[in-house]
Amino acid sequence: MTATNDINEFITKGGVRVRRTTEPEFYEGARMLLVDALDSHRGVLLSSDFEYPGRYTRWDMGFIDPPVELSAVGRAARVEALS
């Protein structure tokens, strides 16, 4: 697999220059490390194993120890700072 960087740059209406760089990282086995960490830490693992050539690809995204917690029950929502 080849790593390519995606760089996006723009200036806001207020004159602030924003530069975003996306760098792919290839971590073999990272999904299982995250799954194990979620047993004892707050976080999330989002994953899709569905693949359709030219349209959908497989992906995994996750994190542990987030700075905020979002929760909802019925029509009530709550945001709590964790740090």
PDB file of N, CA and C in Angstrom:
ATOM      1  N   MET A   1       0.829  -1.167   0.000  1.00  0.00           N
ATOM      2  CA  MET A   1       0.000   0.000   0.000  1.00  0.00           C
ATOM      3  C   MET A   1       0.884   1.245   0.000  1.00  0.00           C
ATOM      4  N   THR A   2       0.506   2.248  -0.749  1.00  0.00           N
ATOM      5  CA  THR A   2       1.291   3.467  -0.833  1.00  0.00           C
ATOM      6  C   THR A   2       0.651   4.548   0.019  1.00  0.00           C
ATOM      7  N   ALA A   3       1.459   5.248   0.787  1.00  0.00           N
ATOM      8  CA  ALA A   3       0.955   6.340   1.617  1.00  0.00           C
ATOM      9  C   ALA A   3       1.008   7.638   0.826  1.00  0.00           C
ATOM     10  N   THR A   4      -0.109   8.347   0.793  1.00  0.00           N
ATOM     11  CA  THR A   4      -0.146   9.656   0.145  1.00  0.00           C
ATOM     12  C   THR A   4      -0.723  10.658   1.130  1.00  0.00           C
ATOM     13  N   ASN A   5      -0.213  11.873   1.100  1.00  0.00           N
ATOM     14  CA  ASN A   5      -0.701  12.935   1.964  1.00  0.00           C
ATOM     15  C   ASN A   5      -1.706  13.775   1.205  1.00  0.00           C
ATOM     16  N   ASP A   6      -2.762  14.186   1.897  1.00  0.00           N
ATOM     17  CA  ASP A   6      -3.778  15.052   1.323  1.00  0.00           C
ATOM     18  C   ASP A   6      -3.693  16.381   2.065  1.00  0.00           C
ATOM     19  N   ILE A   7      -3.373  17.459   1.340  1.00  0.00           N
ATOM     20  CA  ILE A   7      -3.244  18.774   1.963  1.00  0.00           C
ATOM     21  C   ILE A   7      -4.315  19.692   1.395  1.00  0.00           C
ATOM     22  N   ASN A   8      -5.088  20.296   2.284  1.00  0.00           N
ATOM     23  CA  ASN A   8      -6.134  21.232   1.918  1.00  0.00           C
ATOM     24  C   ASN A   8      -5.851  22.553   2.611  1.00  0.00           C
ATOM     25  N   GLU A   9      -5.971  23.654   1.898  1.00  0.00           N
ATOM     26  CA  GLU A   9      -5.699  24.961   2.488  1.00  0.00           C
ATOM     27  C   GLU A   9      -6.738  25.954   1.992  1.00  0.00           C
ATOM     28  N   PHE A  10      -7.250  26.792   2.915  1.00  0.00           N
ATOM     29  CA  PHE A  10      -8.199  27.829   2.516  1.00  0.00           C
ATOM     30  C   PHE A  10      -8.140  28.974   3.518  1.00  0.00           C
ATOM     31  N   ILE A  11      -8.746  30.106   3.148  1.00  0.00           N
ATOM     32  CA  ILE A  11      -8.803  31.279   4.022  1.00  0.00           C
ATOM     33  C   ILE A  11     -10.265  31.558   4.335  1.00  0.00           C
ATOM     34  N   THR A  12     -10.578  31.720   5.625  1.00  0.00           N
ATOM     35  CA  THR A  12     -11.952  31.970   6.044  1.00  0.00           C
ATOM     36  C   THR A  12     -12.357  33.404   5.712  1.00  0.00           C
ATOM     37  N   LYS A  13     -13.645  33.708   5.860  1.00  0.00           N
ATOM     38  CA  LYS A  13     -14.133  35.067   5.621  1.00  0.00           C
ATOM     39  C   LYS A  13     -13.474  36.069   6.556  1.00  0.00           C
ATOM     40  N   GLY A  14     -13.069  35.614   7.741  1.00  0.00           N
ATOM     41  CA  GLY A  14     -12.405  36.488   8.711  1.00  0.00           C
ATOM     42  C   GLY A  14     -10.913  36.625   8.477  1.00  0.00           C
ATOM     43  N   GLY A  15     -10.386  35.999   7.420  1.00  0.00           N
ATOM     44  CA  GLY A  15      -8.979  36.126   7.085  1.00  0.00           C
ATOM     45  C   GLY A  15      -8.051  35.118   7.748  1.00  0.00           C
ATOM     46  N   VAL A  16      -8.626  34.095   8.370  1.00  0.00           N
ATOM     47  CA  VAL A  16      -7.800  33.073   9.021  1.00  0.00           C
ATOM     48  C   VAL A  16      -7.437  31.997   8.001  1.00  0.00           C
ATOM     49  N   ARG A  17      -6.143  31.737   7.877  1.00  0.00           N
ATOM     50  CA  ARG A  17      -5.688  30.691   6.959  1.00  0.00           C
ATOM     51  C   ARG A  17      -5.762  29.343   7.675  1.00  0.00           C
ATOM     52  N   VAL A  18      -6.433  28.382   7.060  1.00  0.00           N
ATOM     53  CA  VAL A  18      -6.587  27.041   7.624  1.00  0.00           C
ATOM     54  C   VAL A  18      -5.890  26.050   6.707  1.00  0.00           C
ATOM     55  N   ARG A  19      -5.058  25.215   7.297  1.00  0.00           N
ATOM     56  CA  ARG A  19      -4.377  24.175   6.517  1.00  0.00           C
ATOM     57  C   ARG A  19      -4.621  22.841   7.203  1.00  0.00           C
ATOM     58  N   ARG A  20      -5.173  21.909   6.448  1.00  0.00           N
ATOM     59  CA  ARG A  20      -5.469  20.585   6.967  1.00  0.00           C
ATOM     60  C   ARG A  20      -4.646  19.564   6.204  1.00  0.00           C
ATOM     61  N   THR A  21      -3.957  18.713   6.925  1.00  0.00           N
ATOM     62  CA  THR A  21      -3.160  17.657   6.312  1.00  0.00           C
ATOM     63  C   THR A  21      -3.672  16.311   6.788  1.00  0.00           C
ATOM     64  N   THR A  22      -3.949  15.433   5.857  1.00  0.00           N
ATOM     65  CA  THR A  22      -4.372  14.078   6.177  1.00  0.00           C
ATOM     66  C   THR A  22      -3.263  13.128   5.778  1.00  0.00           C
ATOM     67  N   GLU A  23      -2.820  12.336   6.727  1.00  0.00           N
ATOM     68  CA  GLU A  23      -1.751  11.377   6.475  1.00  0.00           C
ATOM     69  C   GLU A  23      -2.228   9.984   6.857  1.00  0.00           C
ATOM     70  N   PRO A  24      -2.310   9.079   5.908  1.00  0.00           N
ATOM     71  CA  PRO A  24      -2.744   7.719   6.247  1.00  0.00           C
ATOM     72  C   PRO A  24      -1.707   7.004   7.103  1.00  0.00           C
ATOM     73  N   GLU A  25      -2.189   6.252   8.057  1.00  0.00           N
ATOM     74  CA  GLU A  25      -1.326   5.453   8.920  1.00  0.00           C
ATOM     75  C   GLU A  25      -1.758   4.000   8.789  1.00  0.00           C
ATOM     76  N   PHE A  26      -0.821   3.123   8.642  1.00  0.00           N
ATOM     77  CA  PHE A  26      -1.127   1.711   8.474  1.00  0.00           C
ATOM     78  C   PHE A  26      -0.649   0.956   9.707  1.00  0.00           C
ATOM     79  N   TYR A  27      -1.577   0.621  10.570  1.00  0.00           N
ATOM     80  CA  TYR A  27      -1.259  -0.082  11.801  1.00  0.00           C
ATOM     81  C   TYR A  27      -1.860  -1.478  11.748  1.00  0.00           C
ATOM     82  N   GLU A  28      -1.041  -2.431  11.464  1.00  0.00           N
ATOM     83  CA  GLU A  28      -1.485  -3.824  11.451  1.00  0.00           C
ATOM     84  C   GLU A  28      -1.835  -4.231  12.879  1.00  0.00           C
ATOM     85  N   GLY A  29      -3.028  -4.723  13.083  1.00  0.00           N
ATOM     86  CA  GLY A  29      -3.437  -5.180  14.403  1.00  0.00           C
ATOM     87  C   GLY A  29      -3.962  -4.097  15.324  1.00  0.00           C
ATOM     88  N   ALA A  30      -4.079  -2.869  14.850  1.00  0.00           N
ATOM     89  CA  ALA A  30      -4.522  -1.767  15.709  1.00  0.00           C
ATOM     90  C   ALA A  30      -5.971  -1.948  16.160  1.00  0.00           C
ATOM     91  N   ARG A  31      -6.802  -2.553  15.333  1.00  0.00           N
ATOM     92  CA  ARG A  31      -8.205  -2.742  15.686  1.00  0.00           C
ATOM     93  C   ARG A  31      -8.333  -3.569  16.969  1.00  0.00           C
ATOM     94  N   MET A  32      -7.584  -4.658  17.070  1.00  0.00           N
ATOM     95  CA  MET A  32      -7.672  -5.509  18.258  1.00  0.00           C
ATOM     96  C   MET A  32      -7.102  -4.807  19.492  1.00  0.00           C
ATOM     97  N   LEU A  33      -6.082  -3.986  19.324  1.00  0.00           N
ATOM     98  CA  LEU A  33      -5.560  -3.208  20.451  1.00  0.00           C
ATOM     99  C   LEU A  33      -6.628  -2.252  20.982  1.00  0.00           C
ATOM    100  N   LEU A  34      -7.372  -1.632  20.069  1.00  0.00           N
ATOM    101  CA  LEU A  34      -8.442  -0.725  20.467  1.00  0.00           C
ATOM    102  C   LEU A  34      -9.571  -1.491  21.139  1.00  0.00           C
ATOM    103  N   VAL A  35      -9.958  -2.628  20.583  1.00  0.00           N
ATOM    104  CA  VAL A  35     -11.012  -3.454  21.185  1.00  0.00           C
ATOM    105  C   VAL A  35     -10.638  -3.818  22.620  1.00  0.00           C
ATOM    106  N   ASP A  36      -9.419  -4.235  22.835  1.00  0.00           N
ATOM    107  CA  ASP A  36      -8.961  -4.589  24.183  1.00  0.00           C
ATOM    108  C   ASP A  36      -8.973  -3.377  25.114  1.00  0.00           C
ATOM    109  N   ALA A  37      -8.554  -2.214  24.620  1.00  0.00           N
ATOM    110  CA  ALA A  37      -8.512  -1.001  25.442  1.00  0.00           C
ATOM    111  C   ALA A  37      -9.912  -0.549  25.841  1.00  0.00           C
ATOM    112  N   LEU A  38     -10.918  -0.822  25.007  1.00  0.00           N
ATOM    113  CA  LEU A  38     -12.285  -0.393  25.301  1.00  0.00           C
ATOM    114  C   LEU A  38     -12.902  -1.160  26.465  1.00  0.00           C
ATOM    115  N   ASP A  39     -12.266  -2.240  26.903  1.00  0.00           N
ATOM    116  CA  ASP A  39     -12.747  -2.957  28.083  1.00  0.00           C
ATOM    117  C   ASP A  39     -12.527  -2.151  29.357  1.00  0.00           C
ATOM    118  N   SER A  40     -11.552  -1.260  29.361  1.00  0.00           N
ATOM    119  CA  SER A  40     -11.231  -0.518  30.581  1.00  0.00           C
ATOM    120  C   SER A  40     -11.179   1.003  30.396  1.00  0.00           C
ATOM    121  N   HIS A  41     -11.439   1.501  29.191  1.00  0.00           N
ATOM    122  CA  HIS A  41     -11.407   2.942  28.910  1.00  0.00           C
ATOM    123  C   HIS A  41     -12.666   3.336  28.143  1.00  0.00           C
ATOM    124  N   ARG A  42     -13.073   4.593  28.302  1.00  0.00           N
ATOM    125  CA  ARG A  42     -14.165   5.119  27.475  1.00  0.00           C
ATOM    126  C   ARG A  42     -13.662   5.301  26.057  1.00  0.00           C
ATOM    127  N   GLY A  43     -14.548   5.155  25.100  1.00  0.00           N
ATOM    128  CA  GLY A  43     -14.162   5.353  23.708  1.00  0.00           C
ATOM    129  C   GLY A  43     -15.163   4.712  22.774  1.00  0.00           C
ATOM    130  N   VAL A  44     -14.759   4.589  21.513  1.00  0.00           N
ATOM    131  CA  VAL A  44     -15.658   4.028  20.502  1.00  0.00           C
ATOM    132  C   VAL A  44     -14.833   3.388  19.398  1.00  0.00           C
ATOM    133  N   LEU A  45     -15.418   2.378  18.785  1.00  0.00           N
ATOM    134  CA  LEU A  45     -14.857   1.764  17.582  1.00  0.00           C
ATOM    135  C   LEU A  45     -15.972   1.706  16.557  1.00  0.00           C
ATOM    136  N   LEU A  46     -15.800   2.394  15.446  1.00  0.00           N
ATOM    137  CA  LEU A  46     -16.738   2.369  14.329  1.00  0.00           C
ATOM    138  C   LEU A  46     -16.058   1.613  13.203  1.00  0.00           C
ATOM    139  N   SER A  47     -16.791   0.696  12.586  1.00  0.00           N
ATOM    140  CA  SER A  47     -16.161  -0.159  11.591  1.00  0.00           C
ATOM    141  C   SER A  47     -17.164  -0.555  10.520  1.00  0.00           C
ATOM    142  N   SER A  48     -16.699  -0.676   9.297  1.00  0.00           N
ATOM    143  CA  SER A  48     -17.523  -1.172   8.201  1.00  0.00           C
ATOM    144  C   SER A  48     -16.718  -2.187   7.403  1.00  0.00           C
ATOM    145  N   ASP A  49     -17.259  -3.378   7.266  1.00  0.00           N
ATOM    146  CA  ASP A  49     -16.613  -4.417   6.466  1.00  0.00           C
ATOM    147  C   ASP A  49     -17.274  -4.563   5.099  1.00  0.00           C
ATOM    148  N   PHE A  50     -18.195  -3.647   4.779  1.00  0.00           N
ATOM    149  CA  PHE A  50     -18.892  -3.710   3.496  1.00  0.00           C
ATOM    150  C   PHE A  50     -18.012  -3.108   2.409  1.00  0.00           C
ATOM    151  N   GLU A  51     -17.902  -3.791   1.310  1.00  0.00           N
ATOM    152  CA  GLU A  51     -17.068  -3.311   0.211  1.00  0.00           C
ATOM    153  C   GLU A  51     -17.803  -3.519  -1.109  1.00  0.00           C
ATOM    154  N   TYR A  52     -17.803  -2.481  -1.934  1.00  0.00           N
ATOM    155  CA  TYR A  52     -18.374  -2.548  -3.274  1.00  0.00           C
ATOM    156  C   TYR A  52     -17.426  -1.783  -4.182  1.00  0.00           C
ATOM    157  N   PRO A  53     -16.818  -2.425  -5.168  1.00  0.00           N
ATOM    158  CA  PRO A  53     -15.800  -1.783  -6.015  1.00  0.00           C
ATOM    159  C   PRO A  53     -16.272  -0.456  -6.610  1.00  0.00           C
ATOM    160  N   GLY A  54     -15.453   0.564  -6.438  1.00  0.00           N
ATOM    161  CA  GLY A  54     -15.752   1.875  -7.001  1.00  0.00           C
ATOM    162  C   GLY A  54     -16.700   2.717  -6.176  1.00  0.00           C
ATOM    163  N   ARG A  55     -17.241   2.165  -5.093  1.00  0.00           N
ATOM    164  CA  ARG A  55     -18.201   2.925  -4.308  1.00  0.00           C
ATOM    165  C   ARG A  55     -17.904   2.910  -2.811  1.00  0.00           C
ATOM    166  N   TYR A  56     -17.839   1.747  -2.217  1.00  0.00           N
ATOM    167  CA  TYR A  56     -17.629   1.636  -0.773  1.00  0.00           C
ATOM    168  C   TYR A  56     -16.345   0.874  -0.478  1.00  0.00           C
ATOM    169  N   THR A  57     -15.656   1.278   0.567  1.00  0.00           N
ATOM    170  CA  THR A  57     -14.456   0.561   1.000  1.00  0.00           C
ATOM    171  C   THR A  57     -14.603   0.198   2.475  1.00  0.00           C
ATOM    172  N   ARG A  58     -13.809  -0.739   2.905  1.00  0.00           N
ATOM    173  CA  ARG A  58     -13.791  -1.116   4.318  1.00  0.00           C
ATOM    174  C   ARG A  58     -13.029  -0.057   5.099  1.00  0.00           C
ATOM    175  N   TRP A  59     -13.468   0.194   6.326  1.00  0.00           N
ATOM    176  CA  TRP A  59     -12.784   1.183   7.140  1.00  0.00           C
ATOM    177  C   TRP A  59     -13.007   0.897   8.617  1.00  0.00           C
ATOM    178  N   ASP A  60     -12.098   1.391   9.438  1.00  0.00           N
ATOM    179  CA  ASP A  60     -12.187   1.348  10.891  1.00  0.00           C
ATOM    180  C   ASP A  60     -11.782   2.717  11.414  1.00  0.00           C
ATOM    181  N   MET A  61     -12.473   3.178  12.444  1.00  0.00           N
ATOM    182  CA  MET A  61     -12.130   4.450  13.059  1.00  0.00           C
ATOM    183  C   MET A  61     -12.479   4.345  14.538  1.00  0.00           C
ATOM    184  N   GLY A  62     -11.594   4.788  15.393  1.00  0.00           N
ATOM    185  CA  GLY A  62     -11.899   4.712  16.809  1.00  0.00           C
ATOM    186  C   GLY A  62     -10.941   5.522  17.645  1.00  0.00           C
ATOM    187  N   PHE A  63     -11.275   5.645  18.921  1.00  0.00           N
ATOM    188  CA  PHE A  63     -10.417   6.364  19.856  1.00  0.00           C
ATOM    189  C   PHE A  63     -10.762   5.929  21.272  1.00  0.00           C
ATOM    190  N   ILE A  64      -9.833   6.208  22.195  1.00  0.00           N
ATOM    191  CA  ILE A  64     -10.086   5.981  23.615  1.00  0.00           C
ATOM    192  C   ILE A  64      -9.792   7.263  24.374  1.00  0.00           C
ATOM    193  N   ASP A  65     -10.325   7.357  25.583  1.00  0.00           N
ATOM    194  CA  ASP A  65     -10.137   8.508  26.468  1.00  0.00           C
ATOM    195  C   ASP A  65     -10.509   9.833  25.803  1.00  0.00           C
ATOM    196  N   PRO A  66     -11.783   9.992  25.387  1.00  0.00           N
ATOM    197  CA  PRO A  66     -12.206  11.238  24.737  1.00  0.00           C
ATOM    198  C   PRO A  66     -12.267  12.395  25.737  1.00  0.00           C
ATOM    199  N   PRO A  67     -12.169  13.649  25.255  1.00  0.00           N
ATOM    200  CA  PRO A  67     -12.232  14.806  26.145  1.00  0.00           C
ATOM    201  C   PRO A  67     -13.658  15.154  26.582  1.00  0.00           C
ATOM    202  N   VAL A  68     -14.665  14.701  25.834  1.00  0.00           N
ATOM    203  CA  VAL A  68     -16.068  14.959  26.185  1.00  0.00           C
ATOM    204  C   VAL A  68     -16.880  13.682  26.024  1.00  0.00           C
ATOM    205  N   GLU A  69     -18.011  13.639  26.742  1.00  0.00           N
ATOM    206  CA  GLU A  69     -18.935  12.517  26.622  1.00  0.00           C
ATOM    207  C   GLU A  69     -20.268  13.056  26.118  1.00  0.00           C
ATOM    208  N   LEU A  70     -20.794  12.460  25.077  1.00  0.00           N
ATOM    209  CA  LEU A  70     -22.106  12.804  24.549  1.00  0.00           C
ATOM    210  C   LEU A  70     -23.043  11.658  24.892  1.00  0.00           C
ATOM    211  N   SER A  71     -24.189  11.973  25.506  1.00  0.00           N
ATOM    212  CA  SER A  71     -25.151  10.923  25.820  1.00  0.00           C
ATOM    213  C   SER A  71     -26.554  11.449  25.565  1.00  0.00           C
ATOM    214  N   ALA A  72     -27.463  10.537  25.268  1.00  0.00           N
ATOM    215  CA  ALA A  72     -28.845  10.918  25.002  1.00  0.00           C
ATOM    216  C   ALA A  72     -29.773   9.804  25.446  1.00  0.00           C
ATOM    217  N   VAL A  73     -30.903  10.211  26.026  1.00  0.00           N
ATOM    218  CA  VAL A  73     -31.967   9.287  26.392  1.00  0.00           C
ATOM    219  C   VAL A  73     -33.260   9.940  25.947  1.00  0.00           C
ATOM    220  N   GLY A  74     -33.985   9.269  25.070  1.00  0.00           N
ATOM    221  CA  GLY A  74     -35.207   9.863  24.545  1.00  0.00           C
ATOM    222  C   GLY A  74     -34.895  11.153  23.815  1.00  0.00           C
ATOM    223  N   ARG A  75     -35.523  12.248  24.251  1.00  0.00           N
ATOM    224  CA  ARG A  75     -35.297  13.546  23.613  1.00  0.00           C
ATOM    225  C   ARG A  75     -34.325  14.428  24.391  1.00  0.00           C
ATOM    226  N   ALA A  76     -33.766  13.893  25.457  1.00  0.00           N
ATOM    227  CA  ALA A  76     -32.817  14.661  26.270  1.00  0.00           C
ATOM    228  C   ALA A  76     -31.389  14.295  25.881  1.00  0.00           C
ATOM    229  N   ALA A  77     -30.556  15.307  25.714  1.00  0.00           N
ATOM    230  CA  ALA A  77     -29.149  15.091  25.361  1.00  0.00           C
ATOM    231  C   ALA A  77     -28.269  15.795  26.388  1.00  0.00           C
ATOM    232  N   ARG A  78     -27.075  15.236  26.589  1.00  0.00           N
ATOM    233  CA  ARG A  78     -26.153  15.796  27.576  1.00  0.00           C
ATOM    234  C   ARG A  78     -24.732  15.767  27.032  1.00  0.00           C
ATOM    235  N   VAL A  79     -23.977  16.829  27.285  1.00  0.00           N
ATOM    236  CA  VAL A  79     -22.558  16.904  26.946  1.00  0.00           C
ATOM    237  C   VAL A  79     -21.807  17.158  28.247  1.00  0.00           C
ATOM    238  N   GLU A  80     -20.827  16.293  28.542  1.00  0.00           N
ATOM    239  CA  GLU A  80     -20.070  16.425  29.791  1.00  0.00           C
ATOM    240  C   GLU A  80     -18.576  16.446  29.492  1.00  0.00           C
ATOM    241  N   ALA A  81     -17.880  17.443  30.037  1.00  0.00           N
ATOM    242  CA  ALA A  81     -16.422  17.513  29.888  1.00  0.00           C
ATOM    243  C   ALA A  81     -15.786  16.450  30.771  1.00  0.00           C
ATOM    244  N   LEU A  82     -14.836  15.701  30.216  1.00  0.00           N
ATOM    245  CA  LEU A  82     -14.180  14.633  30.959  1.00  0.00           C
ATOM    246  C   LEU A  82     -12.766  14.986  31.384  1.00  0.00           C
ATOM    247  N   SER A  83     -12.247  16.099  30.907  1.00  0.00           N
ATOM    248  CA  SER A  83     -10.863  16.454  31.270  1.00  0.00           C
ATOM    249  C   SER A  83     -10.827  17.666  32.161  1.00  0.00           C
TER     250      SER A  83
END
